[in-house]
Amino acid sequence: MEKMLHLEGVSGGYRVGKPVLKSLTFEVNKGEMVGLIGLNGAGKSTTIKHILGLLKAQEGTIRVDGLTLAEDPARYRAACTYVPESPELYDELTIREHLELTGRAYGLERDAFESRAESLLETFRMKEKEGAFPAHLSKGMRQKVMIMNAFLVEPPLYIIDEPFLGLDPLGIRSLLELMASFKEKGASFLISSHILSTIEAYCDRFVVLHHGEQIAGGTLEELQSQADLPGARLDDVFFRLVQGGSA
């Protein structure tokens, strides 16, 4: 299968000689949704920062759509988009202006921008708020703005960190349905979330991190086998695997 994201032997962190991540190797294939799961401090956000290029790997390589960041920074960054756990918006821009800024940054043609923006505003029930500033929005609404900006540009790879925090049930359903529809078109997703019962039904495979190490990986059935819990739910499997990793 075509690898949209590939980490090979990646070690790294915030200080040289003291890696947080230890020899991570996994991939996200084209049209695949992979869940990155672990306890607080397991290394999920650090892994994402390395993929985005905010941190440089001390060992190993990271490729997005076949490229490393050093080989072609512009194409590497254009191939993926990121939804952070905590929404970061410009106080002086309205929702509509955030979308327009993103569209211009990614070179979207006007017709494509208008069509996509209108669809996203309707999907997330934000049409009436498009002229509002971030200070007048709830956390859930600000998170929706981040999500809309990510899906506006339609890259091949989406990296999403705790996307459901702050969203109401309708917002969560809208996001899940949107991810599923984009996945059917060939988009790839790496999703970090603690809500295992939700991502269990949507992810094709999972990567389990514990203390910066990959202690398990694969489909739910493969994780069940690794945990010796055939037929168990993801949260039970995860608990067993982490217990084993703590021993």
Protein backbone atom coordinates (compact mmCIF):
# COMPACT_ATOMS: atom_id res chain seq x y z
CA MET A 1 0.00 0.00 0.00
CA GLU A 2 1.06 3.60 -0.60
CA LYS A 3 2.47 5.12 2.56
CA MET A 4 1.23 8.65 3.17
CA LEU A 5 3.11 8.95 6.48
CA HIS A 6 6.08 6.81 7.45
CA LEU A 7 8.18 6.98 10.61
CA GLU A 8 11.27 4.77 10.64
CA GLY A 9 13.30 4.38 13.83
CA VAL A 10 12.40 7.85 15.09
CA SER A 11 13.89 8.93 18.40
CA GLY A 12 13.74 12.48 19.68
CA GLY A 13 12.51 14.93 22.22
CA TYR A 14 13.31 18.31 23.68
CA ARG A 15 16.90 17.72 24.82
CA VAL A 16 19.76 16.06 23.01
CA GLY A 17 20.74 12.81 24.66
CA LYS A 18 17.43 12.51 26.53
CA PRO A 19 14.93 11.24 23.97
CA VAL A 20 11.24 11.17 24.80
CA LEU A 21 10.52 8.99 21.77
CA LYS A 22 12.43 5.78 21.31
CA SER A 23 12.75 4.15 17.88
CA LEU A 24 9.18 4.66 16.67
CA THR A 25 8.33 2.89 13.43
CA PHE A 26 4.83 3.01 11.97
CA GLU A 27 2.98 4.22 8.92
CA VAL A 28 -0.36 5.62 7.79
CA ASN A 29 -1.31 4.33 4.36
CA LYS A 30 -3.35 6.15 1.76
CA GLY A 31 -7.04 6.10 2.62
CA GLU A 32 -6.36 4.82 6.13
CA MET A 33 -7.28 6.13 9.57
CA VAL A 34 -4.81 5.33 12.35
CA GLY A 35 -5.39 6.02 16.03
CA LEU A 36 -2.40 7.14 18.11
CA ILE A 37 -3.25 6.21 21.70
CA GLY A 38 -1.50 6.34 25.05
CA LEU A 39 -1.68 7.74 28.56
CA ASN A 40 -0.81 11.35 29.35
CA GLY A 41 2.93 11.76 28.83
CA ALA A 42 3.20 8.71 26.56
CA GLY A 43 4.67 10.80 23.73
CA LYS A 44 1.67 11.36 21.46
CA SER A 45 1.98 15.14 21.19
CA THR A 46 5.77 14.87 20.93
CA THR A 47 5.34 12.45 18.03
CA ILE A 48 3.00 14.88 16.29
CA LYS A 49 5.45 17.76 16.80
CA HIS A 50 8.17 15.72 15.12
CA ILE A 51 5.90 14.93 12.18
CA LEU A 52 5.01 18.62 11.79
CA GLY A 53 8.67 19.61 11.92
CA LEU A 54 8.33 21.57 15.15
CA LEU A 55 10.91 19.20 16.64
CA LYS A 56 13.77 17.56 14.76
CA ALA A 57 14.27 13.83 15.13
CA GLN A 58 17.56 12.90 16.78
CA GLU A 59 17.51 9.56 14.98
CA GLY A 60 15.42 8.05 12.19
CA THR A 61 13.41 9.52 9.32
CA ILE A 62 9.91 10.89 8.84
CA ARG A 63 8.33 10.99 5.39
CA VAL A 64 5.05 12.57 4.33
CA ASP A 65 3.89 11.54 0.87
CA GLY A 66 7.35 10.13 0.24
CA LEU A 67 9.27 13.28 1.19
CA THR A 68 11.28 14.32 4.21
CA LEU A 69 11.00 17.88 5.45
CA ALA A 70 14.60 18.56 4.45
CA GLU A 71 14.06 17.35 0.88
CA ASP A 72 11.19 19.73 0.07
CA PRO A 73 9.82 21.81 2.96
CA ALA A 74 7.03 23.42 0.92
CA ARG A 75 5.63 20.18 -0.52
CA TYR A 76 6.04 18.36 2.81
CA ARG A 77 4.02 20.98 4.68
CA ALA A 78 1.40 21.33 1.92
CA ALA A 79 0.74 17.57 2.05
CA CYS A 80 -0.63 17.64 5.60
CA THR A 81 -2.80 19.73 7.85
CA TYR A 82 -3.06 19.82 11.62
CA VAL A 83 -5.87 20.29 14.13
CA PRO A 84 -4.38 21.00 17.58
CA GLU A 85 -5.91 20.06 20.90
CA SER A 86 -6.26 23.71 21.95
CA PRO A 87 -7.61 26.08 19.28
CA GLU A 88 -5.27 28.92 18.35
CA LEU A 89 -6.96 31.76 16.48
CA TYR A 90 -6.20 35.36 15.54
CA ASP A 91 -8.18 37.69 17.79
CA GLU A 92 -8.56 40.32 15.06
CA LEU A 93 -9.95 37.99 12.37
CA THR A 94 -13.52 36.76 11.99
CA ILE A 95 -14.32 33.13 11.26
CA ARG A 96 -14.76 33.95 7.58
CA GLU A 97 -11.45 35.81 7.50
CA HIS A 98 -9.68 32.82 9.08
CA LEU A 99 -10.98 30.64 6.26
CA GLU A 100 -9.99 33.20 3.63
CA LEU A 101 -6.48 33.46 5.07
CA THR A 102 -6.07 29.70 4.95
CA GLY A 103 -7.43 29.52 1.42
CA ARG A 104 -4.97 32.14 0.21
CA ALA A 105 -2.05 30.53 2.02
CA TYR A 106 -2.74 27.24 0.24
CA GLY A 107 -3.46 28.87 -3.14
CA LEU A 108 -7.12 27.82 -3.41
CA GLU A 109 -8.96 29.21 -6.40
CA ARG A 110 -11.87 31.46 -5.47
CA ASP A 111 -14.62 29.16 -6.71
CA ALA A 112 -13.17 26.17 -4.84
CA PHE A 113 -12.78 28.27 -1.70
CA GLU A 114 -16.35 29.56 -1.76
CA SER A 115 -17.82 26.11 -2.34
CA ARG A 116 -15.77 24.43 0.38
CA ALA A 117 -16.19 27.25 2.90
CA GLU A 118 -19.96 27.33 2.53
CA SER A 119 -20.19 23.55 2.87
CA LEU A 120 -18.06 23.51 6.04
CA LEU A 121 -19.93 26.40 7.63
CA GLU A 122 -23.20 24.54 7.05
CA THR A 123 -21.79 21.19 8.23
CA PHE A 124 -20.64 22.62 11.55
CA ARG A 125 -23.63 24.95 11.94
CA MET A 126 -21.42 28.03 11.97
CA LYS A 127 -22.96 30.00 9.10
CA GLU A 128 -24.61 32.52 11.42
CA LYS A 129 -21.30 33.01 13.23
CA GLU A 130 -19.03 33.58 10.22
CA GLY A 131 -18.72 37.28 11.02
CA ALA A 132 -17.91 36.71 14.69
CA PHE A 133 -14.52 37.18 16.34
CA PRO A 134 -12.86 34.44 18.45
CA ALA A 135 -13.47 36.34 21.70
CA HIS A 136 -17.21 35.88 21.14
CA LEU A 137 -17.01 32.13 20.56
CA SER A 138 -17.16 29.20 22.95
CA LYS A 139 -14.22 26.77 23.07
CA GLY A 140 -16.21 24.29 21.01
CA MET A 141 -16.90 26.90 18.35
CA ARG A 142 -13.23 27.88 18.25
CA GLN A 143 -12.35 24.22 17.81
CA LYS A 144 -14.79 24.05 14.89
CA VAL A 145 -12.95 26.94 13.25
CA MET A 146 -9.68 24.98 13.48
CA ILE A 147 -11.37 21.92 12.02
CA MET A 148 -12.93 23.89 9.16
CA ASN A 149 -9.59 25.44 8.27
CA ALA A 150 -7.96 22.00 8.18
CA PHE A 151 -10.60 20.45 5.93
CA LEU A 152 -10.84 23.52 3.70
CA VAL A 153 -7.51 22.79 1.97
CA GLU A 154 -8.17 19.05 1.43
CA PRO A 155 -4.59 17.74 1.78
CA PRO A 156 -3.80 14.01 1.53
CA LEU A 157 -2.90 13.72 5.24
CA TYR A 158 -4.73 15.02 8.32
CA ILE A 159 -3.08 15.03 11.75
CA ILE A 160 -5.66 15.57 14.46
CA ASP A 161 -4.89 15.88 18.19
CA GLU A 162 -7.81 15.30 20.59
CA PRO A 163 -10.39 16.61 18.11
CA PHE A 164 -13.47 15.93 20.23
CA LEU A 165 -12.60 18.10 23.24
CA GLY A 166 -15.10 20.91 23.58
CA LEU A 167 -17.34 19.73 20.75
CA ASP A 168 -21.02 19.11 21.39
CA PRO A 169 -22.56 15.78 20.28
CA LEU A 170 -23.66 17.20 16.93
CA GLY A 171 -20.19 18.63 16.36
CA ILE A 172 -18.59 15.27 17.11
CA ARG A 173 -20.99 13.50 14.74
CA SER A 174 -20.33 16.08 12.00
CA LEU A 175 -16.56 15.67 12.37
CA LEU A 176 -16.71 11.87 12.33
CA GLU A 177 -18.92 11.84 9.24
CA LEU A 178 -16.66 14.35 7.52
CA MET A 179 -13.56 12.27 8.28
CA ALA A 180 -15.28 9.14 7.00
CA SER A 181 -16.31 10.83 3.75
CA PHE A 182 -12.82 12.22 3.13
CA LYS A 183 -11.29 8.83 3.93
CA GLU A 184 -13.49 7.24 1.26
CA LYS A 185 -11.98 9.71 -1.22
CA GLY A 186 -8.45 8.55 -0.29
CA ALA A 187 -7.46 10.94 2.50
CA SER A 188 -5.33 9.62 5.38
CA PHE A 189 -5.71 10.41 9.09
CA LEU A 190 -3.53 10.15 12.18
CA ILE A 191 -5.76 10.79 15.19
CA SER A 192 -4.64 11.14 18.79
CA SER A 193 -7.53 10.73 21.22
CA HIS A 194 -8.34 9.47 24.69
CA ILE A 195 -11.95 8.72 23.69
CA LEU A 196 -11.22 5.16 22.67
CA SER A 197 -14.85 4.11 22.37
CA THR A 198 -15.32 6.68 19.59
CA ILE A 199 -12.23 6.06 17.51
CA GLU A 200 -12.59 2.28 17.86
CA ALA A 201 -15.38 2.31 15.30
CA TYR A 202 -13.58 4.55 12.81
CA CYS A 203 -9.87 3.70 12.84
CA ASP A 204 -8.41 0.93 10.70
CA ARG A 205 -5.34 0.45 12.88
CA PHE A 206 -3.87 1.72 16.14
CA VAL A 207 -0.44 2.61 17.50
CA VAL A 208 -0.07 2.26 21.27
CA LEU A 209 2.58 4.42 22.93
CA HIS A 210 3.82 4.04 26.50
CA HIS A 211 6.74 6.01 27.97
CA GLY A 212 7.78 7.04 24.46
CA GLU A 213 7.90 3.51 23.14
CA GLN A 214 5.58 1.73 20.74
CA ILE A 215 4.36 -1.23 22.79
CA ALA A 216 1.74 -2.48 20.33
CA GLY A 217 0.25 -1.74 16.94
CA GLY A 218 -2.16 -3.07 14.34
CA THR A 219 -5.85 -3.65 13.81
CA LEU A 220 -8.19 -4.09 16.76
CA GLU A 221 -8.04 -7.85 16.23
CA GLU A 222 -4.25 -7.77 16.25
CA LEU A 223 -4.22 -5.71 19.44
CA GLN A 224 -6.67 -8.14 21.00
CA SER A 225 -4.25 -10.95 20.16
CA GLN A 226 -1.28 -9.05 21.57
CA ALA A 227 -3.21 -8.40 24.78
CA ASP A 228 -4.62 -11.94 24.87
CA LEU A 229 -8.15 -10.52 25.00
CA PRO A 230 -10.02 -11.90 21.98
CA GLY A 231 -13.19 -9.97 21.19
CA ALA A 232 -12.54 -7.28 23.81
CA ARG A 233 -13.25 -3.57 23.33
CA LEU A 234 -10.40 -1.20 22.60
CA ASP A 235 -10.40 0.42 26.04
CA ASP A 236 -10.04 -2.97 27.75
CA VAL A 237 -7.30 -4.00 25.34
CA PHE A 238 -5.48 -0.72 25.88
CA PHE A 239 -5.66 -1.09 29.67
CA ARG A 240 -4.17 -4.59 29.48
CA LEU A 241 -1.38 -3.49 27.15
CA VAL A 242 -0.44 -0.50 29.29
CA GLN A 243 -0.49 -2.61 32.42
CA GLY A 244 1.94 -4.95 30.74
CA GLY A 245 4.06 -2.01 29.66
CA SER A 246 4.18 -0.79 33.25
CA ALA A 247 5.36 -4.07 34.68
